[in-house]
Amino acid sequence: MQEPLSTRCVISGGGPAGIMLGYLLARAGIEVVVLEKWADFFRDFRGDTIHPSTMEILKELGLLEEFLTLPHNEMTRMTLHFGDTEATVADLSHLHITCPYIAFIPQWDFLNFIAGKANAYPNFHLLMETEVTDLIVKGGRTMGVHAKGKEGAFSIRADLVVGADGRHSTVREKGGFEIQELGVPIDVLWFRIGRGEVDDKQSLGYLDRGAALVMLDRRDYWQCAFIIEKGEYEHIKAKGLEAFRHSVATLAHINDSTVAEVDSWDKVKFLSVSVDHVRTWAKEGVVLIGDAAHAMSPLGGVGINYAIQDAVAAANILIPAFSKGSPTLDVLQRIQERREKPTRRMQSLQVYMQDHVISPLLREKDSFRAPWFIKMFNWFPILRRIPAKIIGIGFGPEHVDVSRF
C-alpha cells in the first residue's frame, strides 16, 4: 500500500478537461495531482478535432505556434453527402479568429502535448494507471479521494476534488450527483480503414437510405463512425460482416475491397451514445467539469472543446480562490453558473438535430432526398457561416485570464 498523499487539488481523469485544468493550476503555482486510470493516452474512442476556440486558448497561453508543428490536417469547409446531393454546410474560413479551421489531430497527441508542458512545473503530478475508487467525506464535505494505483490502494487528501473523469465518472457516482438524461436515438460503430483509394476524400460525412457515416482523417488511416439507430446493432450483426462492409463502401462511394481489412466484428467497436447533464455540478469540496458534468453528443465533434472551455473557466475562478484558502461551495457553484448555459444550448441543438434530422433520415430505407434546408447551403453560401460559428467557436467561448499566470 502506498503512503497517503496530500495536495491542494486532485483531479480525477486525464482527458482534455483534467489535463488542461491541471496545467493551468500548476502554471499558476498551485499544487495539483491528476489521476489517469490508463497507462497512456492512447484511447481510440476520443475525439480528434481541435476547434478554433481551443486554438485561441492555446494562443493566449503562448502554446499555439508549437502546437501547430505537430502533424495535423486542417479543415475549413464541412461537406456532407445527402444521397446524391453534396452540400457544404459550414465554411470556417470567414471566422474572425487566429485559426479559422478545425485541426484534425489524434487526441492522444494533444494530451501528450499539454501534459508535457504541465510536467515542466514541479507542482504538477500526473499519476498514470491510477484511478479514484471513492471519495473521502467528513461532515458532509469531500476532503480527498481513495485511489488505486500500480502499487495498491492509497488516499489523497485535498482542498478540492475535481471530477473530470468522463461520462462514466466515478466522482459523479460516488458523490451522489443527480443526472438528467436527455435521450439519444443513435449509437455508433467505430472502425478504421486504410487510406488507399480514398486518399483524396474531402467529405466529412455521408447519409443515404437509412445509413450515416463520418470519416475522420488520422493521416495514416481513416477513422470511421457508422451511425445507427439505437438498438439496431444486433440486427446489423445478424446480416453479416460482408453486408456491413458493403453498406460502408456503398455509402462512401468506394470499392468493397477498401473495407476488406474490417474482417472481424472484433475490429468494429460499439459505442453507446448518451447525452446527459448533471443538475448540480458542485458540492462542498468537489466539482464536476467536462463530460462528467455534461456528456455531449458526437454531433459536431464539440465535446473536447467544451471540456477545455470548462477547464479554462474553472481555472479563472479557482486560482484566486486558492490564494485565499480552500475554495468554498459558492466559488465552485460559479463554475456551473459560468458554463451551464453554453453547454445546455449546445446539447439542446445536438438533441434537436438527432431527433429531427439524423433519426428520421436513418429510418428512411427507400427513396432518399436531402432535406430542403440542406440545399439552402448551396443556394445561399452565406448561410454556411452560421454553423461554422456554432461549431468552430461555440456558445460562450472562454478566454484565459492571463493576469493569473
Protein backbone atom coordinates (compact mmCIF):
# COMPACT_ATOMS: atom_id res chain seq x y z
CA MET A 1 0.00 0.00 0.00
CA GLN A 2 1.22 3.47 -0.87
CA GLU A 3 1.64 6.22 1.70
CA PRO A 4 -1.22 8.78 1.90
CA LEU A 5 -0.66 11.93 -0.13
CA SER A 6 -1.89 15.48 0.23
CA THR A 7 -2.27 18.27 -2.29
CA ARG A 8 -4.27 21.41 -2.97
CA CYS A 9 -6.30 19.91 -5.80
CA VAL A 10 -6.77 16.35 -7.04
CA ILE A 11 -8.28 15.86 -10.49
CA SER A 12 -9.82 12.54 -11.48
CA GLY A 13 -9.37 11.95 -15.20
CA GLY A 14 -6.60 12.76 -17.64
CA GLY A 15 -8.79 13.76 -20.56
CA PRO A 16 -8.94 17.24 -22.12
CA ALA A 17 -10.70 18.86 -19.15
CA GLY A 18 -8.49 17.26 -16.50
CA ILE A 19 -5.13 17.75 -18.20
CA MET A 20 -5.89 21.34 -19.21
CA LEU A 21 -7.11 22.30 -15.73
CA GLY A 22 -4.12 20.59 -14.14
CA TYR A 23 -1.77 22.51 -16.44
CA LEU A 24 -3.45 25.86 -15.73
CA LEU A 25 -3.42 25.36 -11.95
CA ALA A 26 0.21 24.24 -11.93
CA ARG A 27 1.19 27.16 -14.13
CA ALA A 28 -0.38 29.46 -11.53
CA GLY A 29 1.69 27.87 -8.77
CA ILE A 30 -0.99 25.59 -7.28
CA GLU A 31 -0.03 22.04 -6.41
CA VAL A 32 -2.21 19.60 -8.31
CA VAL A 33 -2.39 15.83 -8.78
CA VAL A 34 -4.07 14.38 -11.89
CA LEU A 35 -5.11 10.73 -11.83
CA GLU A 36 -5.43 8.85 -15.13
CA LYS A 37 -6.52 5.22 -14.95
CA TRP A 38 -4.86 4.12 -18.20
CA ALA A 39 -1.15 3.59 -18.80
CA ASP A 40 -1.14 6.11 -21.66
CA PHE A 41 -3.49 8.46 -23.52
CA PHE A 42 -3.92 6.15 -26.49
CA ARG A 43 -7.69 5.73 -26.44
CA ASP A 44 -9.22 5.09 -29.86
CA PHE A 45 -12.64 6.48 -28.93
CA ARG A 46 -11.57 10.01 -28.15
CA GLY A 47 -12.38 12.96 -30.39
CA ASP A 48 -9.81 14.20 -32.87
CA THR A 49 -11.00 17.72 -33.56
CA ILE A 50 -9.36 20.82 -32.12
CA HIS A 51 -11.65 23.73 -32.93
CA PRO A 52 -10.76 27.41 -33.47
CA SER A 53 -11.94 28.34 -29.96
CA THR A 54 -9.48 25.89 -28.41
CA MET A 55 -6.63 27.10 -30.60
CA GLU A 56 -7.42 30.64 -29.47
CA ILE A 57 -6.88 29.47 -25.89
CA LEU A 58 -3.56 27.90 -26.90
CA LYS A 59 -2.58 31.23 -28.45
CA GLU A 60 -3.42 33.07 -25.24
CA LEU A 61 -1.20 30.61 -23.37
CA GLY A 62 1.65 31.07 -25.84
CA LEU A 63 1.43 27.44 -26.98
CA LEU A 64 -0.25 27.68 -30.37
CA GLU A 65 2.82 28.04 -32.58
CA GLU A 66 4.44 24.92 -31.12
CA PHE A 67 1.17 23.00 -31.11
CA LEU A 68 0.73 23.59 -34.85
CA THR A 69 4.10 21.95 -35.52
CA LEU A 70 2.50 18.62 -34.54
CA PRO A 71 1.31 16.56 -37.53
CA HIS A 72 -2.27 17.54 -38.24
CA ASN A 73 -4.72 18.26 -41.03
CA GLU A 74 -6.83 21.37 -41.39
CA MET A 75 -10.45 21.58 -42.49
CA THR A 76 -12.06 24.89 -43.38
CA ARG A 77 -15.21 23.52 -45.05
CA MET A 78 -17.53 20.81 -43.77
CA THR A 79 -19.03 18.97 -46.72
CA LEU A 80 -21.73 16.32 -46.38
CA HIS A 81 -23.35 13.96 -48.89
CA PHE A 82 -27.11 13.50 -48.56
CA GLY A 83 -27.91 10.83 -51.12
CA ASP A 84 -26.87 12.33 -54.46
CA THR A 85 -26.71 15.85 -53.04
CA GLU A 86 -23.38 17.26 -51.92
CA ALA A 87 -23.62 20.28 -49.64
CA THR A 88 -21.04 22.38 -47.84
CA VAL A 89 -22.82 23.14 -44.58
CA ALA A 90 -20.11 25.14 -42.84
CA ASP A 91 -17.33 27.43 -44.05
CA LEU A 92 -14.96 28.34 -41.24
CA SER A 93 -12.68 30.48 -43.40
CA HIS A 94 -14.86 33.52 -42.64
CA LEU A 95 -14.37 33.29 -38.87
CA HIS A 96 -12.54 36.32 -37.46
CA ILE A 97 -10.15 34.28 -35.35
CA THR A 98 -6.49 33.27 -35.40
CA CYS A 99 -7.10 29.77 -36.81
CA PRO A 100 -10.26 29.73 -38.96
CA TYR A 101 -10.26 25.97 -39.37
CA ILE A 102 -10.64 22.71 -37.47
CA ALA A 103 -7.38 20.87 -36.81
CA PHE A 104 -7.60 17.09 -37.03
CA ILE A 105 -5.09 15.60 -34.63
CA PRO A 106 -5.31 12.42 -32.54
CA GLN A 107 -6.43 13.37 -29.07
CA TRP A 108 -3.55 11.44 -27.52
CA ASP A 109 -1.12 13.78 -29.29
CA PHE A 110 -2.97 16.79 -27.87
CA LEU A 111 -2.99 15.33 -24.35
CA ASN A 112 0.68 14.40 -24.51
CA PHE A 113 1.45 17.93 -25.66
CA ILE A 114 -0.39 19.63 -22.77
CA ALA A 115 0.88 17.08 -20.23
CA GLY A 116 4.42 17.70 -21.43
CA LYS A 117 4.00 21.42 -20.82
CA ALA A 118 2.48 20.77 -17.40
CA ASN A 119 5.34 18.46 -16.38
CA ALA A 120 7.68 21.44 -16.59
CA TYR A 121 6.14 22.65 -13.32
CA PRO A 122 7.31 20.86 -10.15
CA ASN A 123 3.87 21.28 -8.56
CA PHE A 124 2.17 19.22 -11.32
CA HIS A 125 1.89 15.50 -10.67
CA LEU A 126 0.39 13.11 -13.22
CA LEU A 127 -0.19 9.59 -11.89
CA MET A 128 -0.88 7.12 -14.70
CA GLU A 129 -2.57 3.75 -14.14
CA THR A 130 -4.25 5.32 -11.12
CA GLU A 131 -7.95 5.80 -10.60
CA VAL A 132 -10.33 7.12 -7.99
CA THR A 133 -12.28 4.40 -6.18
CA ASP A 134 -14.18 6.55 -3.67
CA LEU A 135 -14.40 9.96 -2.07
CA ILE A 136 -13.20 10.87 1.41
CA VAL A 137 -16.11 12.66 3.03
CA LYS A 138 -16.22 14.14 6.51
CA GLY A 139 -19.04 16.22 7.92
CA GLY A 140 -20.69 16.49 4.53
CA ARG A 141 -17.55 17.86 2.86
CA THR A 142 -15.33 15.99 0.40
CA MET A 143 -11.78 16.00 1.80
CA GLY A 144 -10.00 13.94 -0.86
CA VAL A 145 -10.15 10.60 -2.63
CA HIS A 146 -9.37 6.96 -2.18
CA ALA A 147 -7.42 5.71 -5.18
CA LYS A 148 -5.89 2.57 -6.63
CA GLY A 149 -2.56 2.60 -8.43
CA LYS A 150 0.13 0.24 -9.63
CA GLU A 151 1.38 -0.25 -6.08
CA GLY A 152 -2.01 -0.71 -4.49
CA ALA A 153 -4.63 1.39 -2.72
CA PHE A 154 -3.88 4.75 -1.14
CA SER A 155 -5.58 8.03 -0.28
CA ILE A 156 -5.05 11.65 -1.29
CA ARG A 157 -6.18 14.49 0.94
CA ALA A 158 -7.03 17.64 -0.97
CA ASP A 159 -8.65 21.05 -0.56
CA LEU A 160 -10.62 20.30 -3.73
CA VAL A 161 -11.58 17.25 -5.77
CA VAL A 162 -12.40 17.79 -9.45
CA GLY A 163 -14.30 15.11 -11.35
CA ALA A 164 -13.10 15.25 -14.95
CA ASP A 165 -13.41 11.51 -15.47
CA GLY A 166 -15.91 11.44 -18.31
CA ARG A 167 -19.44 10.26 -18.84
CA HIS A 168 -18.91 7.22 -16.60
CA SER A 169 -17.46 9.36 -13.83
CA THR A 170 -16.60 7.64 -10.55
CA VAL A 171 -16.55 11.00 -8.78
CA ARG A 172 -20.03 11.71 -10.08
CA GLU A 173 -21.28 8.31 -8.93
CA LYS A 174 -19.64 8.31 -5.50
CA GLY A 175 -20.63 11.93 -4.92
CA GLY A 176 -24.30 11.13 -5.49
CA PHE A 177 -24.77 13.75 -8.19
CA GLU A 178 -28.20 13.74 -9.84
CA ILE A 179 -28.15 13.18 -13.61
CA GLN A 180 -30.69 14.39 -16.14
CA GLU A 181 -30.76 12.08 -19.18
CA LEU A 182 -31.60 13.94 -22.40
CA GLY A 183 -32.16 10.84 -24.53
CA VAL A 184 -30.35 9.82 -27.70
CA PRO A 185 -31.81 7.85 -30.66
CA ILE A 186 -28.43 6.85 -32.13
CA ASP A 187 -25.35 4.73 -31.46
CA VAL A 188 -22.02 4.50 -33.26
CA LEU A 189 -19.94 1.68 -34.74
CA TRP A 190 -16.28 2.68 -34.67
CA PHE A 191 -13.62 1.18 -37.01
CA ARG A 192 -10.73 2.14 -39.24
CA ILE A 193 -9.81 1.64 -42.89
CA GLY A 194 -6.55 2.30 -44.70
CA ARG A 195 -6.02 5.36 -46.89
CA GLY A 196 -5.68 3.55 -50.24
CA GLU A 197 -8.02 4.87 -52.89
CA VAL A 198 -9.79 7.27 -50.51
CA ASP A 199 -6.72 9.48 -50.05
CA ASP A 200 -8.39 12.36 -51.85
CA LYS A 201 -11.65 12.25 -49.91
CA GLN A 202 -12.66 15.69 -48.69
CA SER A 203 -16.17 14.95 -47.49
CA LEU A 204 -16.73 14.56 -43.78
CA GLY A 205 -19.96 12.59 -43.81
CA TYR A 206 -22.42 10.59 -45.89
CA LEU A 207 -26.13 9.94 -45.35
CA ASP A 208 -28.27 7.76 -47.59
CA ARG A 209 -31.15 5.29 -47.20
CA GLY A 210 -31.06 4.57 -43.52
CA ALA A 211 -27.29 4.86 -43.02
CA ALA A 212 -24.82 7.54 -42.00
CA LEU A 213 -21.03 7.56 -41.98
CA VAL A 214 -18.43 10.03 -40.71
CA MET A 215 -14.79 9.71 -41.80
CA LEU A 216 -12.09 11.35 -39.66
CA ASP A 217 -8.67 11.86 -41.21
CA ARG A 218 -5.90 10.39 -39.00
CA ARG A 219 -3.29 10.84 -41.72
CA ASP A 220 -2.25 7.16 -41.92
CA TYR A 221 -5.81 5.85 -41.95
CA TRP A 222 -9.46 6.86 -41.81
CA GLN A 223 -11.26 6.54 -38.51
CA CYS A 224 -14.88 5.81 -39.34
CA ALA A 225 -18.03 6.29 -37.32
CA PHE A 226 -21.01 4.41 -38.71
CA ILE A 227 -24.12 5.94 -37.13
CA ILE A 228 -27.05 3.63 -36.46
CA GLU A 229 -30.42 3.79 -34.75
CA LYS A 230 -30.23 2.85 -31.10
CA GLY A 231 -30.94 -0.85 -30.71
CA GLU A 232 -30.01 -1.76 -34.30
CA TYR A 233 -26.54 -3.16 -33.64
CA GLU A 234 -27.60 -6.78 -33.19
CA HIS A 235 -29.72 -6.62 -36.37
CA ILE A 236 -26.70 -5.33 -38.31
CA LYS A 237 -24.51 -8.12 -36.94
CA ALA A 238 -27.15 -10.71 -37.84
CA LYS A 239 -26.94 -9.65 -41.51
CA GLY A 240 -23.24 -10.48 -41.51
CA LEU A 241 -19.93 -8.69 -41.80
CA GLU A 242 -19.91 -8.74 -45.60
CA ALA A 243 -23.24 -6.89 -45.72
CA PHE A 244 -21.90 -4.33 -43.26
CA ARG A 245 -18.75 -3.74 -45.30
CA HIS A 246 -20.82 -3.37 -48.46
CA SER A 247 -23.04 -0.78 -46.75
CA VAL A 248 -20.00 1.23 -45.75
CA ALA A 249 -18.42 1.05 -49.20
CA THR A 250 -21.66 1.97 -50.95
CA LEU A 251 -22.28 4.88 -48.63
CA ALA A 252 -18.76 6.33 -49.03
CA HIS A 253 -18.61 5.68 -52.80
CA ILE A 254 -15.56 3.42 -52.51
CA ASN A 255 -14.81 -0.17 -53.59
CA ASP A 256 -15.69 -3.03 -51.27
CA SER A 257 -12.01 -4.05 -51.29
CA THR A 258 -11.13 -0.84 -49.45
CA VAL A 259 -13.13 -2.02 -46.44
CA ALA A 260 -11.87 -5.62 -46.64
CA GLU A 261 -9.49 -5.10 -43.72
CA VAL A 262 -12.54 -4.97 -41.44
CA ASP A 263 -12.51 -8.77 -41.42
CA SER A 264 -13.85 -9.38 -37.93
CA TRP A 265 -16.51 -7.91 -35.69
CA ASP A 266 -13.69 -7.53 -33.16
CA LYS A 267 -12.47 -4.65 -35.33
CA VAL A 268 -15.84 -2.90 -35.04
CA LYS A 269 -16.36 -1.26 -31.66
CA PHE A 270 -19.87 -0.49 -30.46
CA LEU A 271 -20.23 2.87 -28.71
CA SER A 272 -23.47 3.62 -26.91
CA VAL A 273 -24.14 7.35 -27.29
CA SER A 274 -25.54 9.25 -24.34
CA VAL A 275 -26.32 12.90 -23.68
CA ASP A 276 -26.87 13.97 -20.11
CA HIS A 277 -26.48 16.88 -17.75
CA VAL A 278 -25.80 16.91 -14.02
CA ARG A 279 -28.32 19.13 -12.25
CA THR A 280 -25.88 20.44 -9.65
CA TRP A 281 -22.19 20.36 -10.56
CA ALA A 282 -20.74 21.15 -7.15
CA LYS A 283 -20.92 20.07 -3.55
CA GLU A 284 -18.70 21.01 -0.62
CA GLY A 285 -15.14 20.19 -1.67
CA VAL A 286 -15.96 18.65 -5.06
CA VAL A 287 -16.93 19.90 -8.53
CA LEU A 288 -17.54 18.26 -11.91
CA ILE A 289 -16.42 19.55 -15.32
CA GLY A 290 -16.37 18.22 -18.89
CA ASP A 291 -18.30 15.07 -19.75
CA ALA A 292 -18.61 14.25 -16.05
CA ALA A 293 -20.89 17.29 -15.78
CA HIS A 294 -22.46 17.18 -19.24
CA ALA A 295 -21.95 14.30 -21.67
CA MET A 296 -22.14 15.70 -25.20
CA SER A 297 -23.36 14.07 -28.40
CA PRO A 298 -20.66 13.33 -31.02
CA LEU A 299 -22.50 15.62 -33.47
CA GLY A 300 -20.23 18.48 -34.45
CA GLY A 301 -17.27 16.98 -32.60
CA VAL A 302 -17.53 19.73 -29.98
CA GLY A 303 -17.14 17.64 -26.82
CA ILE A 304 -13.38 18.04 -26.40
CA ASN A 305 -13.64 21.78 -26.95
CA TYR A 306 -16.44 22.29 -24.43
CA ALA A 307 -14.42 20.28 -21.91
CA ILE A 308 -11.46 22.60 -22.44
CA GLN A 309 -13.71 25.66 -22.11
CA ASP A 310 -14.86 24.25 -18.76
CA ALA A 311 -11.25 23.85 -17.66
CA VAL A 312 -10.40 27.44 -18.56
CA ALA A 313 -13.47 28.81 -16.79
CA ALA A 314 -12.71 26.66 -13.74
CA ALA A 315 -9.09 27.86 -13.63
CA ASN A 316 -10.10 31.52 -13.92
CA ILE A 317 -12.42 31.06 -10.94
CA LEU A 318 -10.35 28.66 -8.80
CA ILE A 319 -6.92 30.28 -8.99
CA PRO A 320 -7.85 33.42 -6.99
CA ALA A 321 -9.92 31.27 -4.62
CA PHE A 322 -6.94 29.00 -3.85
CA SER A 323 -4.89 32.07 -2.91
CA LYS A 324 -7.37 32.65 -0.06
CA GLY A 325 -7.57 29.03 1.12
CA SER A 326 -9.89 26.18 0.22
CA PRO A 327 -12.46 27.05 -2.49
CA THR A 328 -15.89 27.45 -0.92
CA LEU A 329 -19.11 25.99 -2.29
CA ASP A 330 -20.09 29.46 -3.53
CA VAL A 331 -16.91 29.56 -5.60
CA LEU A 332 -17.49 26.10 -7.03
CA GLN A 333 -21.07 26.97 -7.95
CA ARG A 334 -19.77 29.86 -10.03
CA ILE A 335 -18.21 27.33 -12.43
CA GLN A 336 -21.64 25.89 -13.20
CA GLU A 337 -23.14 29.36 -13.42
CA ARG A 338 -20.47 30.24 -15.97
CA ARG A 339 -20.63 27.09 -18.10
CA GLU A 340 -24.12 25.64 -17.77
CA LYS A 341 -25.90 27.90 -20.24
CA PRO A 342 -23.39 27.40 -23.11
CA THR A 343 -23.37 23.61 -22.67
CA ARG A 344 -27.14 23.33 -22.39
CA ARG A 345 -27.60 25.42 -25.52
CA MET A 346 -25.24 23.16 -27.46
CA GLN A 347 -26.81 19.99 -26.08
CA SER A 348 -30.29 21.26 -26.98
CA LEU A 349 -29.13 21.89 -30.53
CA GLN A 350 -27.50 18.45 -30.72
CA VAL A 351 -30.62 16.71 -29.42
CA TYR A 352 -32.79 18.62 -31.89
CA MET A 353 -30.55 17.57 -34.80
CA GLN A 354 -30.54 13.96 -33.60
CA ASP A 355 -34.31 13.80 -33.14
CA HIS A 356 -35.45 15.81 -36.16
CA VAL A 357 -32.73 15.29 -38.77
CA ILE A 358 -30.46 12.28 -38.16
CA SER A 359 -33.01 9.85 -36.71
CA PRO A 360 -35.68 10.44 -39.41
CA LEU A 361 -33.02 10.02 -42.10
CA LEU A 362 -31.87 6.74 -40.55
CA ARG A 363 -35.44 5.47 -40.64
CA GLU A 364 -35.76 6.29 -44.35
CA LYS A 365 -34.92 2.99 -46.06
CA ASP A 366 -36.23 3.63 -49.59
CA SER A 367 -36.26 6.88 -51.56
CA PHE A 368 -33.90 9.45 -50.15
CA ARG A 369 -33.76 13.18 -50.69
CA ALA A 370 -31.72 15.79 -48.94
CA PRO A 371 -33.79 17.98 -46.58
CA TRP A 372 -34.73 21.29 -48.14
CA PHE A 373 -32.74 23.32 -45.62
CA ILE A 374 -29.57 21.40 -46.52
CA LYS A 375 -29.93 22.50 -50.13
CA MET A 376 -30.14 26.10 -48.97
CA PHE A 377 -26.46 25.99 -48.01
CA ASN A 378 -25.70 25.54 -51.72
CA TRP A 379 -28.24 28.12 -52.83
CA PHE A 380 -27.15 30.74 -50.32
CA PRO A 381 -23.47 30.13 -49.37
CA ILE A 382 -23.54 32.93 -46.78
CA LEU A 383 -25.65 30.62 -44.59
CA ARG A 384 -22.59 28.40 -44.13
CA ARG A 385 -21.19 30.98 -41.74
CA ILE A 386 -23.86 30.21 -39.13
CA PRO A 387 -22.99 26.55 -38.41
CA ALA A 388 -19.31 27.48 -38.84
CA LYS A 389 -19.54 29.86 -35.90
CA ILE A 390 -21.63 27.47 -33.80
CA ILE A 391 -19.25 24.55 -34.37
CA GLY A 392 -15.96 26.43 -34.60
CA ILE A 393 -16.39 28.88 -31.74
CA GLY A 394 -19.46 27.63 -29.90
CA PHE A 395 -21.62 29.30 -27.30
CA GLY A 396 -19.90 31.29 -24.59
CA PRO A 397 -16.23 30.77 -25.54
CA GLU A 398 -13.80 31.26 -22.67
CA HIS A 399 -10.56 33.22 -22.57
CA VAL A 400 -7.56 32.73 -20.33
CA ASP A 401 -7.23 35.35 -17.59
CA VAL A 402 -3.54 35.89 -18.34
CA SER A 403 -3.11 38.05 -15.24
CA ARG A 404 -3.40 34.84 -13.18
CA PHE A 405 -0.40 33.15 -14.79
